[in-house]
Protein backbone atom coordinates (compact mmCIF):
# COMPACT_ATOMS: atom_id res chain seq x y z
CA MET A 1 103.13 106.35 110.60
CA SER A 2 106.13 108.31 111.85
CA THR A 3 108.30 107.06 108.93
CA LEU A 4 105.76 108.32 106.42
CA LEU A 5 105.61 111.66 108.24
CA LEU A 6 109.42 111.87 108.19
CA VAL A 7 109.47 111.23 104.45
CA ALA A 8 106.75 113.81 103.84
CA LEU A 9 108.34 116.52 105.97
CA VAL A 10 112.03 116.07 105.18
CA PHE A 11 112.86 114.01 102.14
CA ILE A 12 110.25 115.33 99.72
CA PRO A 13 111.22 119.02 100.18
CA VAL A 14 114.92 118.15 99.93
CA PHE A 15 114.21 116.16 96.75
CA VAL A 16 112.32 119.11 95.27
CA LEU A 17 115.23 121.45 96.10
CA VAL A 18 117.70 119.10 94.44
CA LEU A 19 115.46 118.90 91.35
CA LEU A 20 115.17 122.71 91.17
CA SER A 21 118.93 123.02 91.57
CA ALA A 22 119.56 120.47 88.81
CA PHE A 23 117.08 122.23 86.52
CA THR A 24 118.81 125.54 87.21
CA TYR A 25 122.24 124.07 86.42
CA TYR A 26 121.17 122.55 83.11
CA ASP A 27 119.11 125.57 82.10
CA ALA A 28 121.95 127.96 82.91
CA THR A 29 124.36 125.92 80.76
CA ASP A 30 121.83 125.81 77.90
CA ILE A 31 121.32 129.57 77.76
CA GLY A 32 125.01 130.32 78.23
CA MET A 33 125.21 131.89 81.68
CA LYS A 34 128.76 132.37 82.95
CA ASN A 35 128.73 130.25 86.11
CA PRO A 36 125.90 127.68 86.17
CA ARG A 37 127.35 125.90 89.22
CA ARG A 38 127.01 129.10 91.26
CA TRP A 39 123.33 129.44 90.28
CA ALA A 40 122.66 125.81 91.20
CA LEU A 41 124.20 126.34 94.65
CA ILE A 42 122.25 129.56 95.17
CA VAL A 43 118.99 127.77 94.33
CA LEU A 44 119.92 124.88 96.62
CA PHE A 45 120.89 126.95 99.67
CA VAL A 46 118.43 129.84 99.29
CA PRO A 47 115.37 127.78 98.37
CA VAL A 48 112.56 129.99 97.13
CA TYR A 49 114.26 133.34 96.67
CA GLY A 50 117.26 131.88 94.88
CA PHE A 51 115.10 130.36 92.16
CA ILE A 52 113.12 133.60 91.77
CA ILE A 53 116.35 135.61 91.47
CA TYR A 54 117.64 133.10 88.89
CA LEU A 55 114.47 133.45 86.81
CA LEU A 56 114.66 137.25 86.92
CA THR A 57 118.33 137.25 85.96
CA ARG A 58 117.67 134.77 83.18
CA SER A 59 114.90 136.92 81.72
CA GLU A 60 117.27 139.89 81.45
CA LEU A 61 119.45 137.92 79.04
CA ASP A 62 116.60 137.80 76.53
CA TYR A 63 116.50 141.60 76.01
CA ASP A 64 116.56 142.54 72.33
CA PRO A 65 116.88 146.28 71.66
CA GLU A 66 115.48 145.84 68.16
CA THR A 67 112.09 144.83 69.56
CA ASP A 68 112.03 147.47 72.33
CA PRO A 69 109.27 149.98 71.50
CA TYR A 70 110.88 152.68 73.70
CA ARG A 71 114.48 152.37 72.42
CA ASP A 72 114.51 155.76 70.65
CA GLY A 73 112.94 157.61 73.54
CA ALA A 74 109.56 157.65 71.85
CA VAL A 75 106.76 157.91 74.35
CA ASN A 76 103.13 157.48 73.46
CA VAL A 77 101.04 160.00 75.33
CA HIS A 78 97.27 159.89 75.27
CA PRO A 79 95.86 162.95 73.45
CA SER A 80 93.93 164.02 76.54
CA ARG A 81 97.24 164.26 78.45
CA ALA A 82 99.38 165.72 75.68
CA ASP A 83 99.18 169.33 76.84
CA GLU A 84 99.78 168.69 80.57
CA VAL A 85 103.54 168.12 80.60
CA PRO A 86 105.83 168.81 77.67
CA TRP A 87 107.93 165.82 76.63
CA ASP A 88 111.09 165.81 74.62
CA VAL A 89 111.23 162.51 72.74
CA ARG A 90 114.81 162.84 71.56
CA GLY A 91 116.22 161.03 74.60
CA ARG A 92 116.43 163.86 77.13
CA GLU A 93 114.67 163.92 80.47
CA ARG A 94 111.23 165.36 81.02
CA VAL A 95 111.04 169.09 80.55
CA SER A 96 109.58 170.85 83.56
CA GLU A 97 107.16 173.75 83.21
CA ALA A 98 109.78 176.25 84.44
CA ASP A 99 112.29 175.00 81.87
CA SER A 100 109.63 175.07 79.19
CA HIS A 101 108.73 178.67 80.05
CA ALA A 102 112.41 179.70 80.09
CA GLU A 103 112.98 178.01 76.73
CA SER A 104 109.96 179.75 75.18
CA GLU A 105 111.22 183.15 76.40
CA SER A 106 114.72 182.52 75.05
CA GLU A 107 113.28 181.33 71.72
CA ALA A 108 111.17 184.50 71.47
CA GLU A 109 114.25 186.61 72.22
CA ASP A 110 116.26 184.73 69.60
CA ARG A 111 113.52 185.30 67.02
CA THR A 112 113.41 189.00 67.84
CA ASN A 113 117.21 189.34 67.58
CA SER A 114 117.34 187.37 64.35
CA GLN A 115 114.74 189.65 62.76
CA GLY A 116 116.90 192.67 63.55
CA GLY A 117 114.20 194.35 65.53
CA VAL A 118 113.89 195.26 69.15
CA GLU A 119 111.11 193.84 71.25
CA ARG A 120 108.95 196.64 72.63
CA TYR A 121 106.90 196.45 75.77
């Protein structure tokens, strides 16, 4: 009974780690990662977290900017939220309300100056 317990507690987990490490090595060579031996050793010596980190790193290699719906800075805002915060979809950061107010004042001043008139209070 103790031999079976030893096999169950030691050799099966080690066998699973070796299989995961071998899978990582062959998968990393198939997808063209730079150092597949390093990833296999990471998975072998850092059992659970190493494999998770490998999978996350591997998924980043599949990024295709042509299929990214947000590549041009376009943001879909629900119509009920459209008037809450002004967005500039040309790639700049969010425009705060203070910046928006300052821009609207400067635009009004520019319009007044371009018309040749003077704004009266």
